[in-house]
């Protein structure tokens, strides 16, 4: 049973009581029942709008995914979600960085605000090039 149907049912029960219409209490009850009916209708409308909104958001998400795949293609597959941990030389705080932060070279410690210089060895040959 929907909210509107329940409100109509309660209204019908009240009308079946043969209450005296000129009494203050009866007027209050009738006004409350009208209010409940209107609120039930509004809630059902909001529910329908929300369902429609969810559907639209899902469609936008699917469309955005297609656009991302088209624009970024293989580049998205190569981006790493791996985090790297370093220790700030100024304060000793452990800092987590992703690959993008490492590549940018502009890394600031969240604890002390000092710039952390990072050197990236791009050679995978296995030996130390600093001492050559």
N, C-alpha and C. Protein backbone atom coordinates (compact mmCIF):
# COMPACT_ATOMS: atom_id res chain seq x y z
N UNK A 1 0.84 -1.17 0.00
CA UNK A 1 0.00 0.00 0.00
C UNK A 1 0.90 1.25 0.00
N UNK A 2 0.62 2.17 -0.89
CA UNK A 2 1.42 3.40 -0.98
C UNK A 2 1.04 4.34 0.16
N UNK A 3 1.85 5.37 0.33
CA UNK A 3 1.55 6.36 1.36
C UNK A 3 0.21 7.05 1.10
N UNK A 4 -0.03 7.40 -0.15
CA UNK A 4 -1.30 8.06 -0.50
C UNK A 4 -2.49 7.14 -0.23
N UNK A 5 -2.33 5.88 -0.53
CA UNK A 5 -3.42 4.92 -0.27
C UNK A 5 -3.67 4.78 1.23
N UNK A 6 -2.61 4.75 2.01
CA UNK A 6 -2.76 4.65 3.46
C UNK A 6 -3.43 5.89 4.02
N UNK A 7 -3.03 7.08 3.51
CA UNK A 7 -3.65 8.33 3.97
C UNK A 7 -5.14 8.33 3.63
N UNK A 8 -5.50 7.88 2.43
CA UNK A 8 -6.91 7.82 2.02
C UNK A 8 -7.68 6.84 2.89
N UNK A 9 -7.06 5.73 3.24
CA UNK A 9 -7.69 4.72 4.09
C UNK A 9 -8.01 5.31 5.47
N UNK A 10 -7.03 6.01 6.05
CA UNK A 10 -7.24 6.62 7.37
C UNK A 10 -8.32 7.69 7.30
N UNK A 11 -8.32 8.45 6.21
CA UNK A 11 -9.34 9.48 6.01
C UNK A 11 -10.73 8.83 5.94
N UNK A 12 -10.81 7.72 5.23
CA UNK A 12 -12.08 6.99 5.13
C UNK A 12 -12.53 6.46 6.47
N UNK A 13 -11.60 5.95 7.27
CA UNK A 13 -11.95 5.47 8.61
C UNK A 13 -12.51 6.61 9.45
N UNK A 14 -11.90 7.77 9.35
CA UNK A 14 -12.35 8.92 10.12
C UNK A 14 -13.74 9.36 9.68
N UNK A 15 -13.98 9.36 8.36
CA UNK A 15 -15.30 9.76 7.86
C UNK A 15 -16.37 8.77 8.30
N UNK A 16 -16.01 7.53 8.47
CA UNK A 16 -16.96 6.51 8.91
C UNK A 16 -17.34 6.63 10.37
N UNK A 17 -16.65 7.48 11.11
CA UNK A 17 -16.96 7.64 12.53
C UNK A 17 -18.14 8.58 12.78
N UNK A 18 -18.63 9.23 11.75
CA UNK A 18 -19.72 10.20 11.88
C UNK A 18 -19.45 11.23 12.97
N UNK A 19 -18.28 11.83 12.89
CA UNK A 19 -17.91 12.85 13.87
C UNK A 19 -18.66 14.15 13.55
N UNK A 20 -18.94 14.91 14.57
CA UNK A 20 -19.65 16.18 14.39
C UNK A 20 -18.69 17.20 13.79
N UNK A 21 -19.01 17.67 12.60
CA UNK A 21 -18.12 18.54 11.83
C UNK A 21 -17.86 19.88 12.48
N UNK A 22 -18.74 20.35 13.35
CA UNK A 22 -18.57 21.67 13.92
C UNK A 22 -17.69 21.68 15.17
N UNK A 23 -17.28 20.54 15.64
CA UNK A 23 -16.41 20.48 16.83
C UNK A 23 -14.97 20.84 16.43
N UNK A 24 -14.30 21.52 17.32
CA UNK A 24 -12.92 21.94 17.07
C UNK A 24 -12.00 20.74 16.86
N UNK A 25 -12.16 19.72 17.65
CA UNK A 25 -11.31 18.53 17.55
C UNK A 25 -11.44 17.87 16.18
N UNK A 26 -12.66 17.84 15.68
CA UNK A 26 -12.91 17.21 14.38
C UNK A 26 -12.26 18.03 13.26
N UNK A 27 -12.33 19.34 13.36
CA UNK A 27 -11.68 20.20 12.36
C UNK A 27 -10.18 19.97 12.37
N UNK A 28 -9.59 19.84 13.56
CA UNK A 28 -8.15 19.59 13.66
C UNK A 28 -7.80 18.25 13.02
N UNK A 29 -8.58 17.24 13.30
CA UNK A 29 -8.33 15.91 12.73
C UNK A 29 -8.42 15.96 11.21
N UNK A 30 -9.45 16.63 10.68
CA UNK A 30 -9.60 16.73 9.22
C UNK A 30 -8.43 17.47 8.59
N UNK A 31 -7.97 18.54 9.23
CA UNK A 31 -6.83 19.30 8.70
C UNK A 31 -5.56 18.44 8.72
N UNK A 32 -5.38 17.71 9.80
CA UNK A 32 -4.22 16.81 9.89
C UNK A 32 -4.27 15.74 8.80
N UNK A 33 -5.44 15.20 8.54
CA UNK A 33 -5.59 14.19 7.50
C UNK A 33 -5.29 14.78 6.12
N UNK A 34 -5.72 16.02 5.87
CA UNK A 34 -5.40 16.69 4.60
C UNK A 34 -3.89 16.89 4.48
N UNK A 35 -3.28 17.31 5.59
CA UNK A 35 -1.83 17.50 5.60
C UNK A 35 -1.11 16.19 5.31
N UNK A 36 -1.54 15.11 5.95
CA UNK A 36 -0.92 13.80 5.73
C UNK A 36 -1.08 13.38 4.27
N UNK A 37 -2.24 13.62 3.69
CA UNK A 37 -2.47 13.27 2.28
C UNK A 37 -1.53 14.04 1.36
N UNK A 38 -1.41 15.35 1.61
CA UNK A 38 -0.51 16.16 0.78
C UNK A 38 0.95 15.73 0.95
N UNK A 39 1.33 15.46 2.18
CA UNK A 39 2.71 15.03 2.43
C UNK A 39 2.99 13.68 1.76
N UNK A 40 2.04 12.78 1.83
CA UNK A 40 2.21 11.47 1.19
C UNK A 40 2.39 11.64 -0.31
N UNK A 41 1.60 12.50 -0.90
CA UNK A 41 1.72 12.76 -2.34
C UNK A 41 3.08 13.36 -2.68
N UNK A 42 3.51 14.33 -1.87
CA UNK A 42 4.81 14.96 -2.10
C UNK A 42 5.97 13.96 -1.95
N UNK A 43 5.89 13.10 -0.93
CA UNK A 43 6.94 12.10 -0.72
C UNK A 43 7.00 11.14 -1.91
N UNK A 44 5.85 10.73 -2.41
CA UNK A 44 5.84 9.84 -3.57
C UNK A 44 6.42 10.53 -4.80
N UNK A 45 6.11 11.83 -4.98
CA UNK A 45 6.69 12.58 -6.10
C UNK A 45 8.20 12.68 -5.97
N UNK A 46 8.67 12.94 -4.75
CA UNK A 46 10.12 13.03 -4.52
C UNK A 46 10.78 11.68 -4.80
N UNK A 47 10.13 10.59 -4.39
CA UNK A 47 10.67 9.25 -4.66
C UNK A 47 10.80 8.99 -6.15
N UNK A 48 9.78 9.39 -6.91
CA UNK A 48 9.83 9.21 -8.37
C UNK A 48 10.94 10.05 -8.98
N UNK A 49 11.06 11.31 -8.51
CA UNK A 49 12.13 12.18 -9.02
C UNK A 49 13.51 11.62 -8.68
N UNK A 50 13.65 11.07 -7.47
CA UNK A 50 14.92 10.51 -7.04
C UNK A 50 15.30 9.29 -7.89
N UNK A 51 14.33 8.46 -8.19
CA UNK A 51 14.58 7.31 -9.06
C UNK A 51 15.06 7.76 -10.43
N UNK A 52 14.42 8.79 -10.95
CA UNK A 52 14.81 9.34 -12.25
C UNK A 52 16.22 9.94 -12.18
N UNK A 53 16.52 10.62 -11.08
CA UNK A 53 17.84 11.22 -10.90
C UNK A 53 18.92 10.15 -10.82
N UNK A 54 18.67 9.08 -10.08
CA UNK A 54 19.64 7.98 -9.99
C UNK A 54 19.92 7.40 -11.38
N UNK A 55 18.88 7.23 -12.14
CA UNK A 55 19.04 6.70 -13.49
C UNK A 55 19.89 7.63 -14.34
N UNK A 56 19.64 8.93 -14.25
CA UNK A 56 20.42 9.91 -15.02
C UNK A 56 21.88 9.91 -14.58
N UNK A 57 22.13 9.82 -13.28
CA UNK A 57 23.51 9.81 -12.77
C UNK A 57 24.24 8.55 -13.25
N UNK A 58 23.58 7.41 -13.23
CA UNK A 58 24.19 6.18 -13.73
C UNK A 58 24.56 6.32 -15.20
N UNK A 59 23.69 6.94 -16.00
CA UNK A 59 23.97 7.14 -17.41
C UNK A 59 25.15 8.09 -17.61
N UNK A 60 25.20 9.15 -16.81
CA UNK A 60 26.33 10.09 -16.89
C UNK A 60 27.62 9.38 -16.52
N UNK A 61 27.59 8.55 -15.50
CA UNK A 61 28.78 7.81 -15.09
C UNK A 61 29.26 6.88 -16.20
N UNK A 62 28.33 6.20 -16.85
CA UNK A 62 28.71 5.32 -17.96
C UNK A 62 29.30 6.13 -19.11
N UNK A 63 28.66 7.26 -19.42
CA UNK A 63 29.17 8.12 -20.50
C UNK A 63 30.56 8.65 -20.16
N UNK A 64 30.77 9.07 -18.91
CA UNK A 64 32.06 9.58 -18.50
C UNK A 64 33.14 8.50 -18.58
N UNK A 65 32.79 7.31 -18.20
CA UNK A 65 33.74 6.20 -18.30
C UNK A 65 34.17 5.98 -19.75
N UNK A 66 33.20 6.04 -20.66
CA UNK A 66 33.53 5.88 -22.08
C UNK A 66 34.44 7.01 -22.56
N UNK A 67 34.16 8.23 -22.15
CA UNK A 67 34.98 9.38 -22.54
C UNK A 67 36.40 9.24 -21.98
N UNK A 68 36.51 8.84 -20.70
CA UNK A 68 37.82 8.66 -20.09
C UNK A 68 38.62 7.60 -20.84
N UNK A 69 37.98 6.50 -21.17
CA UNK A 69 38.67 5.44 -21.90
C UNK A 69 39.13 5.92 -23.26
N UNK A 70 38.30 6.73 -23.91
CA UNK A 70 38.64 7.25 -25.23
C UNK A 70 39.77 8.26 -25.15
N UNK A 71 39.71 9.16 -24.18
CA UNK A 71 40.70 10.23 -24.07
C UNK A 71 42.02 9.71 -23.52
N UNK A 72 41.94 8.93 -22.45
CA UNK A 72 43.17 8.52 -21.78
C UNK A 72 43.69 7.17 -22.25
N UNK A 73 42.82 6.33 -22.75
CA UNK A 73 43.20 5.03 -23.30
C UNK A 73 44.14 4.24 -22.42
N UNK A 74 45.25 3.85 -23.02
CA UNK A 74 46.22 3.00 -22.32
C UNK A 74 46.92 3.74 -21.20
N UNK A 75 46.95 5.06 -21.26
CA UNK A 75 47.63 5.82 -20.21
C UNK A 75 47.02 5.52 -18.84
N UNK A 76 45.70 5.30 -18.79
CA UNK A 76 45.05 4.99 -17.52
C UNK A 76 45.53 3.64 -16.96
N UNK A 77 45.80 2.71 -17.86
CA UNK A 77 46.26 1.40 -17.41
C UNK A 77 47.66 1.45 -16.83
N UNK A 78 48.46 2.39 -17.30
CA UNK A 78 49.86 2.44 -16.85
C UNK A 78 50.03 3.22 -15.56
N UNK A 79 49.06 4.04 -15.19
CA UNK A 79 49.18 4.78 -13.94
C UNK A 79 49.12 3.82 -12.77
N UNK A 80 50.02 4.00 -11.87
CA UNK A 80 50.11 3.11 -10.72
C UNK A 80 49.40 3.72 -9.52
N UNK A 81 48.70 2.87 -8.79
CA UNK A 81 48.08 3.32 -7.54
C UNK A 81 49.02 3.06 -6.36
N UNK A 82 50.23 2.61 -6.65
CA UNK A 82 51.18 2.27 -5.61
C UNK A 82 51.61 3.51 -4.85
N UNK A 83 51.71 3.38 -3.54
CA UNK A 83 52.18 4.48 -2.70
C UNK A 83 53.60 4.19 -2.26
N UNK A 84 54.39 5.25 -2.16
CA UNK A 84 55.77 5.15 -1.71
C UNK A 84 55.88 5.90 -0.40
N UNK A 85 56.66 5.34 0.52
CA UNK A 85 56.83 5.98 1.81
C UNK A 85 58.25 6.50 1.92
N UNK A 86 58.37 7.75 2.36
CA UNK A 86 59.68 8.34 2.61
C UNK A 86 59.62 9.00 3.98
N UNK A 87 60.79 9.31 4.51
CA UNK A 87 60.86 10.00 5.80
C UNK A 87 61.37 11.41 5.55
N UNK A 88 60.66 12.39 6.08
CA UNK A 88 61.05 13.78 5.91
C UNK A 88 62.39 14.00 6.61
N UNK A 89 63.38 14.53 5.91
CA UNK A 89 64.68 14.76 6.54
C UNK A 89 64.64 15.88 7.57
N UNK A 90 63.65 16.73 7.53
CA UNK A 90 63.58 17.86 8.48
C UNK A 90 62.95 17.46 9.81
N UNK A 91 61.83 16.74 9.76
CA UNK A 91 61.11 16.44 11.01
C UNK A 91 61.01 14.96 11.32
N UNK A 92 61.37 14.10 10.37
CA UNK A 92 61.31 12.66 10.60
C UNK A 92 59.94 12.04 10.40
N UNK A 93 58.97 12.84 9.96
CA UNK A 93 57.62 12.34 9.72
C UNK A 93 57.60 11.43 8.49
N UNK A 94 56.86 10.32 8.58
CA UNK A 94 56.71 9.42 7.44
C UNK A 94 55.68 10.01 6.48
N UNK A 95 56.03 10.12 5.20
CA UNK A 95 55.19 10.75 4.19
C UNK A 95 54.89 9.73 3.11
N UNK A 96 53.61 9.60 2.72
CA UNK A 96 53.23 8.69 1.64
C UNK A 96 53.04 9.50 0.36
N UNK A 97 53.62 9.01 -0.73
CA UNK A 97 53.54 9.69 -2.01
C UNK A 97 53.08 8.72 -3.08
N UNK A 98 52.33 9.23 -4.05
CA UNK A 98 52.01 8.40 -5.20
C UNK A 98 52.99 8.75 -6.32
N UNK A 99 52.89 8.03 -7.41
CA UNK A 99 53.85 8.19 -8.51
C UNK A 99 53.82 9.60 -9.09
N UNK A 100 52.63 10.16 -9.20
CA UNK A 100 52.49 11.51 -9.76
C UNK A 100 53.22 12.54 -8.90
N UNK A 101 53.12 12.41 -7.59
CA UNK A 101 53.81 13.33 -6.68
C UNK A 101 55.32 13.20 -6.82
N UNK A 102 55.78 11.97 -6.96
CA UNK A 102 57.22 11.74 -7.12
C UNK A 102 57.74 12.38 -8.40
N UNK A 103 57.00 12.21 -9.48
CA UNK A 103 57.43 12.73 -10.77
C UNK A 103 57.43 14.25 -10.77
N UNK A 104 56.45 14.86 -10.10
CA UNK A 104 56.36 16.32 -10.09
C UNK A 104 57.57 16.95 -9.41
N UNK A 105 58.14 16.26 -8.43
CA UNK A 105 59.32 16.76 -7.74
C UNK A 105 59.00 17.81 -6.69
N UNK A 106 57.77 18.30 -6.63
CA UNK A 106 57.37 19.30 -5.65
C UNK A 106 56.64 18.60 -4.52
N UNK A 107 57.41 18.14 -3.54
CA UNK A 107 56.83 17.39 -2.42
C UNK A 107 57.09 18.18 -1.14
N UNK A 108 56.03 18.46 -0.44
CA UNK A 108 56.14 19.16 0.84
C UNK A 108 55.65 18.23 1.95
N UNK A 109 56.36 18.27 3.04
CA UNK A 109 55.99 17.46 4.19
C UNK A 109 54.70 18.03 4.78
N UNK A 110 53.67 17.20 4.98
CA UNK A 110 52.43 17.71 5.56
C UNK A 110 52.58 18.12 7.03
N UNK A 111 53.61 17.60 7.70
CA UNK A 111 53.79 17.90 9.11
C UNK A 111 54.52 19.23 9.33
N UNK A 112 55.64 19.43 8.62
CA UNK A 112 56.44 20.64 8.86
C UNK A 112 56.41 21.63 7.71
N UNK A 113 55.91 21.21 6.55
CA UNK A 113 55.81 22.12 5.41
C UNK A 113 57.08 22.29 4.61
N UNK A 114 58.14 21.65 5.02
CA UNK A 114 59.42 21.77 4.30
C UNK A 114 59.36 21.01 2.98
N UNK A 115 60.06 21.54 1.98
CA UNK A 115 60.16 20.88 0.68
C UNK A 115 61.09 19.67 0.83
N UNK A 116 60.67 18.55 0.28
CA UNK A 116 61.48 17.33 0.34
C UNK A 116 62.04 17.10 -1.05
N UNK A 117 63.35 17.09 -1.15
CA UNK A 117 64.00 16.86 -2.44
C UNK A 117 64.05 15.36 -2.69
N UNK A 118 63.65 14.97 -3.88
CA UNK A 118 63.60 13.56 -4.22
C UNK A 118 64.42 13.35 -5.49
N UNK A 119 65.30 12.37 -5.42
CA UNK A 119 66.07 11.99 -6.59
C UNK A 119 65.57 10.64 -7.06
N UNK A 120 65.26 10.55 -8.35
CA UNK A 120 64.74 9.31 -8.90
C UNK A 120 65.79 8.73 -9.83
N UNK A 121 66.19 7.50 -9.55
CA UNK A 121 67.15 6.79 -10.40
C UNK A 121 66.34 6.06 -11.47
N UNK A 122 66.50 6.48 -12.70
CA UNK A 122 65.72 5.89 -13.77
C UNK A 122 66.40 4.68 -14.40
N UNK A 123 67.59 4.39 -14.00
CA UNK A 123 68.31 3.25 -14.56
C UNK A 123 67.98 1.99 -13.77
N UNK A 124 67.71 0.91 -14.46
CA UNK A 124 67.39 -0.36 -13.81
C UNK A 124 68.53 -1.37 -13.92
N UNK A 125 69.75 -0.88 -14.08
CA UNK A 125 70.85 -1.80 -14.33
C UNK A 125 71.33 -2.49 -13.05
N UNK A 126 70.97 -1.94 -11.87
CA UNK A 126 71.30 -2.64 -10.64
C UNK A 126 72.52 -2.13 -9.91
N UNK A 127 73.30 -1.22 -10.49
CA UNK A 127 74.44 -0.73 -9.73
C UNK A 127 74.33 0.78 -9.51
N UNK A 128 75.17 1.28 -8.58
CA UNK A 128 75.09 2.67 -8.13
C UNK A 128 75.84 3.57 -9.09
N UNK A 129 75.14 4.51 -9.75
CA UNK A 129 75.77 5.43 -10.69
C UNK A 129 76.34 6.67 -10.00
N UNK A 130 76.03 6.89 -8.72
CA UNK A 130 76.53 8.06 -8.01
C UNK A 130 78.03 8.00 -7.80
N UNK A 131 78.59 6.80 -7.76
CA UNK A 131 80.02 6.67 -7.47
C UNK A 131 80.83 6.38 -8.70
N UNK A 132 80.31 6.64 -9.88
CA UNK A 132 81.08 6.39 -11.11
C UNK A 132 81.82 7.62 -11.54
